[in-house]
């Protein structure tokens, strides 16, 4: 299973430096997340999902449901 961090970053036309500036996540750390070297904590997944405007499961690559509000009924 591959997360969609790199895909979404590229779709938005953002560099690793821009991700660092906009999210506060160091570029090396984010790069490790993109490449599956390390796994973000749940809070970080949520922060990134909010940043990209998608659901956490979509960002993690475990769901095809992109809409961040699709899972509101489960909260």
Foldseek 3Di string as FASTA:
>chain_A
DAFCLVVLCVVVPHDLVRCCVVQVDHSVRSVCCNVVVDPDDPVVLVSVLVVSQFDSCNRRVNDPGGHNCPCVVVD
